[in-house]
Amino acid sequence: MEQAKIDRINELARKHKTEGLTPEETAERHALRQEYIAGFKRSLTHHLDRVHFVDEDGNKEKLKKRGE
């Protein structure tokens, strides 16, 4: 996510605390938050896909997803 969008999320959060948001700004904030969360999840999933555990014998085992 671009820094400008993150700055806009923070700007809307500050405005919400001080004077309140219009319905359009609330919708914009929600859309930006959803985009931020989706990007965060993608990044975390990518990182966890690269994690391996090494047992006592030196065998590498990939981190398993729940239910596998």
PDB file of N, CA and C in Angstrom:
ATOM      1  N   MET A   1       0.855  -1.177   0.000  1.00  0.00           N
ATOM      2  CA  MET A   1       0.000   0.000   0.000  1.00  0.00           C
ATOM      3  C   MET A   1       0.898   1.236   0.000  1.00  0.00           C
ATOM      4  N   GLU A   2       0.492   2.219  -0.759  1.00  0.00           N
ATOM      5  CA  GLU A   2       1.288   3.436  -0.864  1.00  0.00           C
ATOM      6  C   GLU A   2       1.217   4.243   0.437  1.00  0.00           C
ATOM      7  N   GLN A   3       2.271   4.956   0.695  1.00  0.00           N
ATOM      8  CA  GLN A   3       2.350   5.769   1.908  1.00  0.00           C
ATOM      9  C   GLN A   3       1.254   6.830   1.934  1.00  0.00           C
ATOM     10  N   ALA A   4       0.880   7.345   0.773  1.00  0.00           N
ATOM     11  CA  ALA A   4      -0.171   8.372   0.718  1.00  0.00           C
ATOM     12  C   ALA A   4      -1.493   7.825   1.247  1.00  0.00           C
ATOM     13  N   LYS A   5      -1.791   6.556   0.957  1.00  0.00           N
ATOM     14  CA  LYS A   5      -3.034   5.962   1.450  1.00  0.00           C
ATOM     15  C   LYS A   5      -2.974   5.743   2.959  1.00  0.00           C
ATOM     16  N   ILE A   6      -1.826   5.339   3.454  1.00  0.00           N
ATOM     17  CA  ILE A   6      -1.662   5.161   4.899  1.00  0.00           C
ATOM     18  C   ILE A   6      -1.806   6.508   5.604  1.00  0.00           C
ATOM     19  N   ASP A   7      -1.218   7.541   5.020  1.00  0.00           N
ATOM     20  CA  ASP A   7      -1.355   8.890   5.578  1.00  0.00           C
ATOM     21  C   ASP A   7      -2.820   9.323   5.596  1.00  0.00           C
ATOM     22  N   ARG A   8      -3.555   8.962   4.548  1.00  0.00           N
ATOM     23  CA  ARG A   8      -4.973   9.325   4.493  1.00  0.00           C
ATOM     24  C   ARG A   8      -5.771   8.590   5.574  1.00  0.00           C
ATOM     25  N   ILE A   9      -5.450   7.328   5.820  1.00  0.00           N
ATOM     26  CA  ILE A   9      -6.109   6.575   6.897  1.00  0.00           C
ATOM     27  C   ILE A   9      -5.872   7.283   8.224  1.00  0.00           C
ATOM     28  N   ASN A  10      -4.640   7.678   8.471  1.00  0.00           N
ATOM     29  CA  ASN A  10      -4.308   8.361   9.722  1.00  0.00           C
ATOM     30  C   ASN A  10      -4.997   9.722   9.822  1.00  0.00           C
ATOM     31  N   GLU A  11      -5.079  10.429   8.703  1.00  0.00           N
ATOM     32  CA  GLU A  11      -5.753  11.726   8.684  1.00  0.00           C
ATOM     33  C   GLU A  11      -7.238  11.562   9.026  1.00  0.00           C
ATOM     34  N   LEU A  12      -7.864  10.548   8.439  1.00  0.00           N
ATOM     35  CA  LEU A  12      -9.282  10.301   8.721  1.00  0.00           C
ATOM     36  C   LEU A  12      -9.488   9.868  10.177  1.00  0.00           C
ATOM     37  N   ALA A  13      -8.548   9.119  10.724  1.00  0.00           N
ATOM     38  CA  ALA A  13      -8.656   8.699  12.132  1.00  0.00           C
ATOM     39  C   ALA A  13      -8.579   9.905  13.053  1.00  0.00           C
ATOM     40  N   ARG A  14      -7.659  10.828  12.765  1.00  0.00           N
ATOM     41  CA  ARG A  14      -7.550  12.034  13.582  1.00  0.00           C
ATOM     42  C   ARG A  14      -8.814  12.882  13.479  1.00  0.00           C
ATOM     43  N   LYS A  15      -9.336  13.008  12.266  1.00  0.00           N
ATOM     44  CA  LYS A  15     -10.545  13.813  12.064  1.00  0.00           C
ATOM     45  C   LYS A  15     -11.738  13.177  12.777  1.00  0.00           C
ATOM     46  N   HIS A  16     -11.814  11.843  12.752  1.00  0.00           N
ATOM     47  CA  HIS A  16     -12.899  11.136  13.428  1.00  0.00           C
ATOM     48  C   HIS A  16     -12.885  11.418  14.930  1.00  0.00           C
ATOM     49  N   LYS A  17     -11.698  11.485  15.512  1.00  0.00           N
ATOM     50  CA  LYS A  17     -11.570  11.737  16.955  1.00  0.00           C
ATOM     51  C   LYS A  17     -11.919  13.180  17.328  1.00  0.00           C
ATOM     52  N   THR A  18     -11.639  14.117  16.435  1.00  0.00           N
ATOM     53  CA  THR A  18     -11.831  15.523  16.787  1.00  0.00           C
ATOM     54  C   THR A  18     -13.206  16.067  16.377  1.00  0.00           C
ATOM     55  N   GLU A  19     -13.562  15.939  15.107  1.00  0.00           N
ATOM     56  CA  GLU A  19     -14.787  16.589  14.640  1.00  0.00           C
ATOM     57  C   GLU A  19     -15.796  15.650  14.010  1.00  0.00           C
ATOM     58  N   GLY A  20     -15.445  14.414  13.796  1.00  0.00           N
ATOM     59  CA  GLY A  20     -16.364  13.471  13.179  1.00  0.00           C
ATOM     60  C   GLY A  20     -16.190  13.411  11.672  1.00  0.00           C
ATOM     61  N   LEU A  21     -16.750  12.367  11.076  1.00  0.00           N
ATOM     62  CA  LEU A  21     -16.615  12.150   9.641  1.00  0.00           C
ATOM     63  C   LEU A  21     -17.968  12.222   8.949  1.00  0.00           C
ATOM     64  N   THR A  22     -17.934  12.634   7.687  1.00  0.00           N
ATOM     65  CA  THR A  22     -19.136  12.591   6.861  1.00  0.00           C
ATOM     66  C   THR A  22     -19.354  11.139   6.428  1.00  0.00           C
ATOM     67  N   PRO A  23     -20.531  10.803   5.954  1.00  0.00           N
ATOM     68  CA  PRO A  23     -20.752   9.428   5.462  1.00  0.00           C
ATOM     69  C   PRO A  23     -19.794   9.030   4.333  1.00  0.00           C
ATOM     70  N   GLU A  24     -19.436   9.980   3.476  1.00  0.00           N
ATOM     71  CA  GLU A  24     -18.495   9.691   2.393  1.00  0.00           C
ATOM     72  C   GLU A  24     -17.112   9.379   2.950  1.00  0.00           C
ATOM     73  N   GLU A  25     -16.701  10.145   3.952  1.00  0.00           N
ATOM     74  CA  GLU A  25     -15.388   9.910   4.571  1.00  0.00           C
ATOM     75  C   GLU A  25     -15.378   8.584   5.330  1.00  0.00           C
ATOM     76  N   THR A  26     -16.486   8.235   5.961  1.00  0.00           N
ATOM     77  CA  THR A  26     -16.572   6.959   6.666  1.00  0.00           C
ATOM     78  C   THR A  26     -16.440   5.809   5.675  1.00  0.00           C
ATOM     79  N   ALA A  27     -17.084   5.914   4.529  1.00  0.00           N
ATOM     80  CA  ALA A  27     -16.991   4.882   3.494  1.00  0.00           C
ATOM     81  C   ALA A  27     -15.563   4.803   2.947  1.00  0.00           C
ATOM     82  N   GLU A  28     -14.938   5.951   2.747  1.00  0.00           N
ATOM     83  CA  GLU A  28     -13.552   5.979   2.261  1.00  0.00           C
ATOM     84  C   GLU A  28     -12.629   5.329   3.281  1.00  0.00           C
ATOM     85  N   ARG A  29     -12.818   5.657   4.552  1.00  0.00           N
ATOM     86  CA  ARG A  29     -11.993   5.080   5.619  1.00  0.00           C
ATOM     87  C   ARG A  29     -12.148   3.564   5.650  1.00  0.00           C
ATOM     88  N   HIS A  30     -13.375   3.087   5.519  1.00  0.00           N
ATOM     89  CA  HIS A  30     -13.625   1.647   5.532  1.00  0.00           C
ATOM     90  C   HIS A  30     -12.921   0.957   4.355  1.00  0.00           C
ATOM     91  N   ALA A  31     -13.036   1.543   3.157  1.00  0.00           N
ATOM     92  CA  ALA A  31     -12.396   0.959   1.975  1.00  0.00           C
ATOM     93  C   ALA A  31     -10.879   0.941   2.122  1.00  0.00           C
ATOM     94  N   LEU A  32     -10.303   2.026   2.632  1.00  0.00           N
ATOM     95  CA  LEU A  32      -8.850   2.086   2.817  1.00  0.00           C
ATOM     96  C   LEU A  32      -8.392   1.079   3.868  1.00  0.00           C
ATOM     97  N   ARG A  33      -9.154   0.936   4.945  1.00  0.00           N
ATOM     98  CA  ARG A  33      -8.801  -0.033   5.983  1.00  0.00           C
ATOM     99  C   ARG A  33      -8.842  -1.455   5.435  1.00  0.00           C
ATOM    100  N   GLN A  34      -9.876  -1.765   4.638  1.00  0.00           N
ATOM    101  CA  GLN A  34      -9.988  -3.104   4.062  1.00  0.00           C
ATOM    102  C   GLN A  34      -8.800  -3.397   3.145  1.00  0.00           C
ATOM    103  N   GLU A  35      -8.401  -2.412   2.357  1.00  0.00           N
ATOM    104  CA  GLU A  35      -7.247  -2.571   1.470  1.00  0.00           C
ATOM    105  C   GLU A  35      -5.974  -2.788   2.284  1.00  0.00           C
ATOM    106  N   TYR A  36      -5.813  -2.036   3.364  1.00  0.00           N
ATOM    107  CA  TYR A  36      -4.641  -2.169   4.222  1.00  0.00           C
ATOM    108  C   TYR A  36      -4.595  -3.559   4.854  1.00  0.00           C
ATOM    109  N   ILE A  37      -5.725  -4.034   5.370  1.00  0.00           N
ATOM    110  CA  ILE A  37      -5.784  -5.347   6.012  1.00  0.00           C
ATOM    111  C   ILE A  37      -5.488  -6.450   5.006  1.00  0.00           C
ATOM    112  N   ALA A  38      -6.028  -6.348   3.796  1.00  0.00           N
ATOM    113  CA  ALA A  38      -5.778  -7.357   2.763  1.00  0.00           C
ATOM    114  C   ALA A  38      -4.292  -7.416   2.419  1.00  0.00           C
ATOM    115  N   GLY A  39      -3.657  -6.267   2.294  1.00  0.00           N
ATOM    116  CA  GLY A  39      -2.219  -6.234   2.015  1.00  0.00           C
ATOM    117  C   GLY A  39      -1.409  -6.807   3.147  1.00  0.00           C
ATOM    118  N   PHE A  40      -1.810  -6.521   4.376  1.00  0.00           N
ATOM    119  CA  PHE A  40      -1.117  -7.043   5.540  1.00  0.00           C
ATOM    120  C   PHE A  40      -1.214  -8.573   5.576  1.00  0.00           C
ATOM    121  N   LYS A  41      -2.404  -9.092   5.313  1.00  0.00           N
ATOM    122  CA  LYS A  41      -2.591 -10.544   5.311  1.00  0.00           C
ATOM    123  C   LYS A  41      -1.758 -11.210   4.219  1.00  0.00           C
ATOM    124  N   ARG A  42      -1.720 -10.600   3.011  1.00  0.00           N
ATOM    125  CA  ARG A  42      -0.902 -11.149   1.924  1.00  0.00           C
ATOM    126  C   ARG A  42       0.558 -11.194   2.325  1.00  0.00           C
ATOM    127  N   SER A  43       1.032 -10.129   2.926  1.00  0.00           N
ATOM    128  CA  SER A  43       2.433 -10.056   3.333  1.00  0.00           C
ATOM    129  C   SER A  43       2.753 -11.093   4.398  1.00  0.00           C
ATOM    130  N   LEU A  44       1.889 -11.229   5.376  1.00  0.00           N
ATOM    131  CA  LEU A  44       2.096 -12.198   6.447  1.00  0.00           C
ATOM    132  C   LEU A  44       2.064 -13.623   5.911  1.00  0.00           C
ATOM    133  N   THR A  45       1.102 -13.914   5.041  1.00  0.00           N
ATOM    134  CA  THR A  45       1.007 -15.251   4.449  1.00  0.00           C
ATOM    135  C   THR A  45       2.261 -15.576   3.656  1.00  0.00           C
ATOM    136  N   HIS A  46       2.737 -14.626   2.872  1.00  0.00           N
ATOM    137  CA  HIS A  46       3.966 -14.837   2.091  1.00  0.00           C
ATOM    138  C   HIS A  46       5.144 -15.130   3.019  1.00  0.00           C
ATOM    139  N   HIS A  47       5.240 -14.378   4.094  1.00  0.00           N
ATOM    140  CA  HIS A  47       6.336 -14.574   5.043  1.00  0.00           C
ATOM    141  C   HIS A  47       6.246 -15.951   5.703  1.00  0.00           C
ATOM    142  N   LEU A  48       5.064 -16.328   6.142  1.00  0.00           N
ATOM    143  CA  LEU A  48       4.899 -17.612   6.822  1.00  0.00           C
ATOM    144  C   LEU A  48       5.088 -18.791   5.880  1.00  0.00           C
ATOM    145  N   ASP A  49       4.813 -18.608   4.592  1.00  0.00           N
ATOM    146  CA  ASP A  49       5.036 -19.677   3.619  1.00  0.00           C
ATOM    147  C   ASP A  49       6.515 -20.014   3.483  1.00  0.00           C
ATOM    148  N   ARG A  50       7.382 -19.113   3.885  1.00  0.00           N
ATOM    149  CA  ARG A  50       8.820 -19.324   3.766  1.00  0.00           C
ATOM    150  C   ARG A  50       9.449 -19.844   5.053  1.00  0.00           C
ATOM    151  N   VAL A  51       8.641 -20.070   6.101  1.00  0.00           N
ATOM    152  CA  VAL A  51       9.157 -20.525   7.389  1.00  0.00           C
ATOM    153  C   VAL A  51       9.301 -22.041   7.379  1.00  0.00           C
ATOM    154  N   HIS A  52      10.443 -22.512   7.867  1.00  0.00           N
ATOM    155  CA  HIS A  52      10.688 -23.938   8.027  1.00  0.00           C
ATOM    156  C   HIS A  52      11.187 -24.185   9.446  1.00  0.00           C
ATOM    157  N   PHE A  53      10.791 -25.318   9.994  1.00  0.00           N
ATOM    158  CA  PHE A  53      11.289 -25.727  11.298  1.00  0.00           C
ATOM    159  C   PHE A  53      12.322 -26.817  11.090  1.00  0.00           C
ATOM    160  N   VAL A  54      13.347 -26.805  11.913  1.00  0.00           N
ATOM    161  CA  VAL A  54      14.392 -27.822  11.830  1.00  0.00           C
ATOM    162  C   VAL A  54      14.327 -28.650  13.106  1.00  0.00           C
ATOM    163  N   ASP A  55      14.174 -29.983  12.935  1.00  0.00           N
ATOM    164  CA  ASP A  55      14.100 -30.849  14.116  1.00  0.00           C
ATOM    165  C   ASP A  55      15.493 -31.209  14.600  1.00  0.00           C
ATOM    166  N   GLU A  56      15.553 -32.068  15.619  1.00  0.00           N
ATOM    167  CA  GLU A  56      16.839 -32.432  16.228  1.00  0.00           C
ATOM    168  C   GLU A  56      17.781 -33.106  15.244  1.00  0.00           C
ATOM    169  N   ASP A  57      17.232 -33.806  14.255  1.00  0.00           N
ATOM    170  CA  ASP A  57      18.055 -34.530  13.280  1.00  0.00           C
ATOM    171  C   ASP A  57      18.484 -33.646  12.105  1.00  0.00           C
ATOM    172  N   GLY A  58      18.056 -32.404  12.115  1.00  0.00           N
ATOM    173  CA  GLY A  58      18.426 -31.488  11.042  1.00  0.00           C
ATOM    174  C   GLY A  58      17.475 -31.511   9.865  1.00  0.00           C
ATOM    175  N   ASN A  59      16.344 -32.184  10.015  1.00  0.00           N
ATOM    176  CA  ASN A  59      15.363 -32.240   8.935  1.00  0.00           C
ATOM    177  C   ASN A  59      14.528 -30.968   8.928  1.00  0.00           C
ATOM    178  N   LYS A  60      14.365 -30.382   7.739  1.00  0.00           N
ATOM    179  CA  LYS A  60      13.543 -29.183   7.595  1.00  0.00           C
ATOM    180  C   LYS A  60      12.109 -29.595   7.334  1.00  0.00           C
ATOM    181  N   GLU A  61      11.202 -28.919   8.020  1.00  0.00           N
ATOM    182  CA  GLU A  61       9.778 -29.166   7.806  1.00  0.00           C
ATOM    183  C   GLU A  61       9.088 -27.828   7.615  1.00  0.00           C
ATOM    184  N   LYS A  62       8.330 -27.744   6.541  1.00  0.00           N
ATOM    185  CA  LYS A  62       7.628 -26.511   6.226  1.00  0.00           C
ATOM    186  C   LYS A  62       6.509 -26.284   7.238  1.00  0.00           C
ATOM    187  N   LEU A  63       6.272 -25.032   7.569  1.00  0.00           N
ATOM    188  CA  LEU A  63       5.173 -24.666   8.454  1.00  0.00           C
ATOM    189  C   LEU A  63       3.861 -25.057   7.780  1.00  0.00           C
ATOM    190  N   LYS A  64       3.016 -25.770   8.506  1.00  0.00           N
ATOM    191  CA  LYS A  64       1.764 -26.253   7.931  1.00  0.00           C
ATOM    192  C   LYS A  64       0.633 -25.301   8.249  1.00  0.00           C
ATOM    193  N   LYS A  65      -0.305 -25.192   7.313  1.00  0.00           N
ATOM    194  CA  LYS A  65      -1.502 -24.387   7.552  1.00  0.00           C
ATOM    195  C   LYS A  65      -2.438 -25.187   8.423  1.00  0.00           C
ATOM    196  N   ARG A  66      -3.331 -24.507   9.113  1.00  0.00           N
ATOM    197  CA  ARG A  66      -4.313 -25.191   9.955  1.00  0.00           C
ATOM    198  C   ARG A  66      -5.130 -26.154   9.112  1.00  0.00           C
ATOM    199  N   GLY A  67      -5.389 -27.298   9.686  1.00  0.00           N
ATOM    200  CA  GLY A  67      -6.206 -28.277   9.005  1.00  0.00           C
ATOM    201  C   GLY A  67      -5.443 -29.205   8.074  1.00  0.00           C
ATOM    202  N   GLU A  68      -4.163 -28.997   7.916  1.00  0.00           N
ATOM    203  CA  GLU A  68      -3.367 -29.884   7.046  1.00  0.00           C
ATOM    204  C   GLU A  68      -2.842 -31.053   7.832  1.00  0.00           C
TER     205      GLU A  68
END
